[in-house]
N, C-alpha and C. Protein backbone atom coordinates (compact mmCIF):
# COMPACT_ATOMS: atom_id res chain seq x y z
N UNK A 1 -43.69 -26.56 14.31
CA UNK A 1 -42.36 -27.03 14.62
C UNK A 1 -41.32 -26.38 13.71
N UNK A 2 -40.27 -25.97 14.32
CA UNK A 2 -39.19 -25.39 13.54
C UNK A 2 -38.08 -26.42 13.34
N UNK A 3 -37.52 -26.40 12.16
CA UNK A 3 -36.43 -27.33 11.91
C UNK A 3 -35.15 -26.80 12.58
N UNK A 4 -34.34 -27.71 13.08
CA UNK A 4 -33.10 -27.25 13.71
C UNK A 4 -32.18 -26.61 12.68
N UNK A 5 -31.59 -25.54 13.07
CA UNK A 5 -30.72 -24.82 12.16
C UNK A 5 -29.28 -25.31 12.33
N UNK A 6 -28.57 -25.32 11.25
CA UNK A 6 -27.16 -25.70 11.29
C UNK A 6 -26.40 -24.60 12.03
N UNK A 7 -25.36 -24.98 12.72
CA UNK A 7 -24.58 -23.96 13.41
C UNK A 7 -24.08 -22.90 12.42
N UNK A 8 -24.08 -21.69 12.87
CA UNK A 8 -23.66 -20.58 12.02
C UNK A 8 -22.18 -20.71 11.70
N UNK A 9 -21.87 -20.67 10.44
CA UNK A 9 -20.47 -20.73 10.01
C UNK A 9 -20.06 -19.38 9.47
N UNK A 10 -18.92 -18.96 9.88
CA UNK A 10 -18.38 -17.71 9.37
C UNK A 10 -17.74 -17.99 8.02
N UNK A 11 -18.35 -17.50 6.98
CA UNK A 11 -17.86 -17.78 5.64
C UNK A 11 -17.03 -16.63 5.08
N UNK A 12 -16.59 -15.74 5.91
CA UNK A 12 -15.76 -14.66 5.42
C UNK A 12 -14.38 -15.21 5.09
N UNK A 13 -13.72 -14.63 4.08
CA UNK A 13 -12.41 -15.15 3.68
C UNK A 13 -11.37 -14.94 4.78
N UNK A 14 -10.44 -15.86 4.85
CA UNK A 14 -9.37 -15.74 5.82
C UNK A 14 -8.32 -14.76 5.32
N UNK A 15 -7.43 -14.36 6.19
CA UNK A 15 -6.35 -13.46 5.79
C UNK A 15 -5.51 -14.07 4.67
N UNK A 16 -5.28 -15.36 4.76
CA UNK A 16 -4.48 -16.03 3.74
C UNK A 16 -5.15 -15.94 2.37
N UNK A 17 -6.47 -16.10 2.34
CA UNK A 17 -7.20 -16.05 1.08
C UNK A 17 -7.21 -14.64 0.50
N UNK A 18 -7.28 -13.64 1.33
CA UNK A 18 -7.32 -12.27 0.82
C UNK A 18 -5.94 -11.74 0.47
N UNK A 19 -4.89 -12.27 1.09
CA UNK A 19 -3.54 -11.79 0.82
C UNK A 19 -2.92 -12.47 -0.40
N UNK A 20 -3.41 -13.64 -0.78
CA UNK A 20 -2.85 -14.38 -1.91
C UNK A 20 -2.81 -13.54 -3.19
N UNK A 21 -3.93 -12.95 -3.64
CA UNK A 21 -3.88 -12.16 -4.87
C UNK A 21 -2.96 -10.95 -4.75
N UNK A 22 -2.90 -10.35 -3.58
CA UNK A 22 -2.03 -9.18 -3.41
C UNK A 22 -0.56 -9.57 -3.56
N UNK A 23 -0.17 -10.66 -2.93
CA UNK A 23 1.24 -11.10 -3.04
C UNK A 23 1.57 -11.53 -4.46
N UNK A 24 0.66 -12.21 -5.13
CA UNK A 24 0.89 -12.63 -6.51
C UNK A 24 1.07 -11.42 -7.41
N UNK A 25 0.25 -10.41 -7.24
CA UNK A 25 0.37 -9.18 -8.03
C UNK A 25 1.68 -8.46 -7.71
N UNK A 26 2.03 -8.42 -6.44
CA UNK A 26 3.27 -7.76 -6.01
C UNK A 26 4.49 -8.44 -6.65
N UNK A 27 4.53 -9.76 -6.60
CA UNK A 27 5.65 -10.50 -7.20
C UNK A 27 5.69 -10.34 -8.71
N UNK A 28 4.53 -10.36 -9.34
CA UNK A 28 4.48 -10.15 -10.78
C UNK A 28 4.98 -8.78 -11.19
N UNK A 29 4.59 -7.77 -10.43
CA UNK A 29 5.04 -6.40 -10.73
C UNK A 29 6.54 -6.27 -10.52
N UNK A 30 7.09 -6.95 -9.52
CA UNK A 30 8.53 -6.84 -9.26
C UNK A 30 9.34 -7.42 -10.41
N UNK A 31 8.78 -8.36 -11.13
CA UNK A 31 9.48 -8.95 -12.28
C UNK A 31 9.32 -8.11 -13.54
N UNK A 32 8.22 -7.38 -13.66
CA UNK A 32 7.94 -6.63 -14.88
C UNK A 32 8.49 -5.20 -14.87
N UNK A 33 8.63 -4.61 -13.68
CA UNK A 33 9.06 -3.22 -13.58
C UNK A 33 10.55 -3.13 -13.26
N UNK A 34 11.14 -2.02 -13.65
CA UNK A 34 12.53 -1.80 -13.27
C UNK A 34 12.61 -1.59 -11.76
N UNK A 35 13.77 -1.88 -11.20
CA UNK A 35 13.92 -1.80 -9.75
C UNK A 35 13.68 -0.38 -9.22
N UNK A 36 14.22 0.68 -9.85
CA UNK A 36 13.94 2.04 -9.33
C UNK A 36 12.44 2.39 -9.36
N UNK A 37 11.76 2.02 -10.44
CA UNK A 37 10.32 2.31 -10.53
C UNK A 37 9.54 1.51 -9.50
N UNK A 38 9.88 0.24 -9.33
CA UNK A 38 9.20 -0.60 -8.35
C UNK A 38 9.41 -0.04 -6.94
N UNK A 39 10.63 0.40 -6.63
CA UNK A 39 10.92 1.00 -5.33
C UNK A 39 10.13 2.28 -5.10
N UNK A 40 10.06 3.11 -6.13
CA UNK A 40 9.31 4.36 -6.02
C UNK A 40 7.83 4.08 -5.78
N UNK A 41 7.28 3.13 -6.50
CA UNK A 41 5.87 2.79 -6.32
C UNK A 41 5.60 2.20 -4.95
N UNK A 42 6.59 1.55 -4.37
CA UNK A 42 6.42 1.01 -3.02
C UNK A 42 6.26 2.13 -1.99
N UNK A 43 6.84 3.29 -2.26
CA UNK A 43 6.64 4.45 -1.39
C UNK A 43 5.34 5.19 -1.73
N UNK A 44 5.01 5.26 -2.99
CA UNK A 44 3.84 6.04 -3.42
C UNK A 44 2.53 5.37 -3.00
N UNK A 45 2.46 4.04 -3.04
CA UNK A 45 1.22 3.33 -2.73
C UNK A 45 0.64 3.69 -1.37
N UNK A 46 1.42 3.66 -0.27
CA UNK A 46 0.82 4.00 1.02
C UNK A 46 0.35 5.46 1.09
N UNK A 47 1.05 6.34 0.39
CA UNK A 47 0.64 7.74 0.39
C UNK A 47 -0.69 7.89 -0.33
N UNK A 48 -0.85 7.20 -1.46
CA UNK A 48 -2.12 7.26 -2.19
C UNK A 48 -3.26 6.64 -1.39
N UNK A 49 -2.98 5.54 -0.69
CA UNK A 49 -4.00 4.95 0.17
C UNK A 49 -4.40 5.90 1.29
N UNK A 50 -3.44 6.62 1.82
CA UNK A 50 -3.70 7.60 2.86
C UNK A 50 -4.62 8.71 2.34
N UNK A 51 -4.30 9.23 1.16
CA UNK A 51 -5.12 10.30 0.57
C UNK A 51 -6.53 9.78 0.29
N UNK A 52 -6.64 8.56 -0.24
CA UNK A 52 -7.96 7.99 -0.51
C UNK A 52 -8.77 7.82 0.78
N UNK A 53 -8.10 7.41 1.85
CA UNK A 53 -8.83 7.23 3.12
C UNK A 53 -9.33 8.57 3.66
N UNK A 54 -8.54 9.63 3.50
CA UNK A 54 -9.00 10.95 3.94
C UNK A 54 -10.19 11.42 3.10
N UNK A 55 -10.14 11.17 1.80
CA UNK A 55 -11.25 11.55 0.92
C UNK A 55 -12.52 10.80 1.32
N UNK A 56 -12.38 9.56 1.76
CA UNK A 56 -13.53 8.76 2.15
C UNK A 56 -14.01 9.03 3.57
N UNK A 57 -13.34 9.96 4.29
CA UNK A 57 -13.82 10.38 5.60
C UNK A 57 -13.14 9.76 6.80
N UNK A 58 -12.02 9.11 6.60
CA UNK A 58 -11.29 8.50 7.72
C UNK A 58 -10.66 9.59 8.59
N UNK A 59 -10.60 9.36 9.88
CA UNK A 59 -9.97 10.33 10.77
C UNK A 59 -8.48 10.05 10.88
N UNK A 60 -7.73 11.08 11.21
CA UNK A 60 -6.27 11.00 11.27
C UNK A 60 -5.82 11.13 12.72
N UNK A 61 -5.12 10.12 13.22
CA UNK A 61 -4.57 10.19 14.57
C UNK A 61 -3.17 10.76 14.52
N UNK A 62 -2.62 11.10 15.67
CA UNK A 62 -1.27 11.67 15.73
C UNK A 62 -0.23 10.70 15.20
N UNK A 63 -0.33 9.43 15.57
CA UNK A 63 0.65 8.45 15.10
C UNK A 63 0.55 8.24 13.60
N UNK A 64 -0.67 8.31 13.06
CA UNK A 64 -0.85 8.24 11.61
C UNK A 64 -0.17 9.41 10.92
N UNK A 65 -0.35 10.60 11.48
CA UNK A 65 0.25 11.79 10.89
C UNK A 65 1.77 11.69 10.89
N UNK A 66 2.35 11.19 11.96
CA UNK A 66 3.81 11.03 12.03
C UNK A 66 4.27 10.00 11.00
N UNK A 67 3.59 8.87 10.93
CA UNK A 67 3.97 7.80 10.00
C UNK A 67 3.92 8.28 8.55
N UNK A 68 2.84 8.91 8.18
CA UNK A 68 2.70 9.34 6.79
C UNK A 68 3.59 10.55 6.48
N UNK A 69 3.91 11.35 7.46
CA UNK A 69 4.87 12.43 7.24
C UNK A 69 6.24 11.86 6.94
N UNK A 70 6.64 10.82 7.68
CA UNK A 70 7.93 10.19 7.41
C UNK A 70 7.96 9.54 6.03
N UNK A 71 6.86 8.93 5.62
CA UNK A 71 6.80 8.36 4.28
C UNK A 71 6.90 9.45 3.21
N UNK A 72 6.21 10.55 3.42
CA UNK A 72 6.26 11.65 2.46
C UNK A 72 7.67 12.24 2.37
N UNK A 73 8.35 12.36 3.50
CA UNK A 73 9.73 12.87 3.50
C UNK A 73 10.64 11.89 2.75
N UNK A 74 10.49 10.60 3.01
CA UNK A 74 11.31 9.59 2.32
C UNK A 74 11.07 9.64 0.81
N UNK A 75 9.83 9.82 0.41
CA UNK A 75 9.50 9.92 -1.01
C UNK A 75 10.13 11.16 -1.63
N UNK A 76 10.09 12.27 -0.91
CA UNK A 76 10.70 13.51 -1.41
C UNK A 76 12.21 13.36 -1.53
N UNK A 77 12.86 12.74 -0.54
CA UNK A 77 14.31 12.53 -0.60
C UNK A 77 14.66 11.62 -1.78
N UNK A 78 13.89 10.56 -1.97
CA UNK A 78 14.12 9.65 -3.08
C UNK A 78 13.96 10.37 -4.43
N UNK A 79 12.94 11.18 -4.56
CA UNK A 79 12.71 11.92 -5.80
C UNK A 79 13.82 12.94 -6.04
N UNK A 80 14.21 13.65 -5.00
CA UNK A 80 15.30 14.63 -5.16
C UNK A 80 16.62 13.95 -5.51
N UNK A 81 16.90 12.82 -4.88
CA UNK A 81 18.11 12.07 -5.19
C UNK A 81 18.12 11.60 -6.63
N UNK A 82 17.00 11.11 -7.10
CA UNK A 82 16.90 10.68 -8.50
C UNK A 82 17.01 11.85 -9.45
N UNK A 83 16.43 12.97 -9.09
CA UNK A 83 16.53 14.16 -9.93
C UNK A 83 17.97 14.67 -10.00
N UNK A 84 18.65 14.71 -8.86
CA UNK A 84 20.04 15.16 -8.84
C UNK A 84 20.95 14.22 -9.62
N UNK A 85 20.72 12.94 -9.54
CA UNK A 85 21.52 11.97 -10.30
C UNK A 85 21.27 12.14 -11.79
N UNK A 86 20.03 12.37 -12.16
CA UNK A 86 19.69 12.59 -13.57
C UNK A 86 20.31 13.85 -14.14
N UNK A 87 20.39 14.90 -13.32
CA UNK A 87 20.98 16.16 -13.77
C UNK A 87 22.49 15.98 -13.96
N UNK A 88 23.16 15.26 -13.05
CA UNK A 88 24.62 15.04 -13.14
C UNK A 88 24.98 14.20 -14.35
N UNK A 89 24.15 13.25 -14.71
CA UNK A 89 24.44 12.38 -15.84
C UNK A 89 24.39 13.14 -17.14
N UNK A 90 23.51 14.09 -17.26
CA UNK A 90 23.36 14.87 -18.50
C UNK A 90 24.50 15.82 -18.56
């Protein structure tokens, strides 16, 4: 005789449980970092995640290429704007 098994429960964490530490870290960083640095890192993070995914073997779709190209352009414009402002101040 086999004992009846309890219904299978999905014990994987919910989105709310996995997003909590990310939001807490994000809010903490926003208080500790200067606004320009925090803004720059907000652009850099998705680009670094993109590079890491390619290194790990992820495939790139056309819409992904367009999205990350726009992010890279925005990052370049932000960097050039900051560089030009820094040069004018000196």
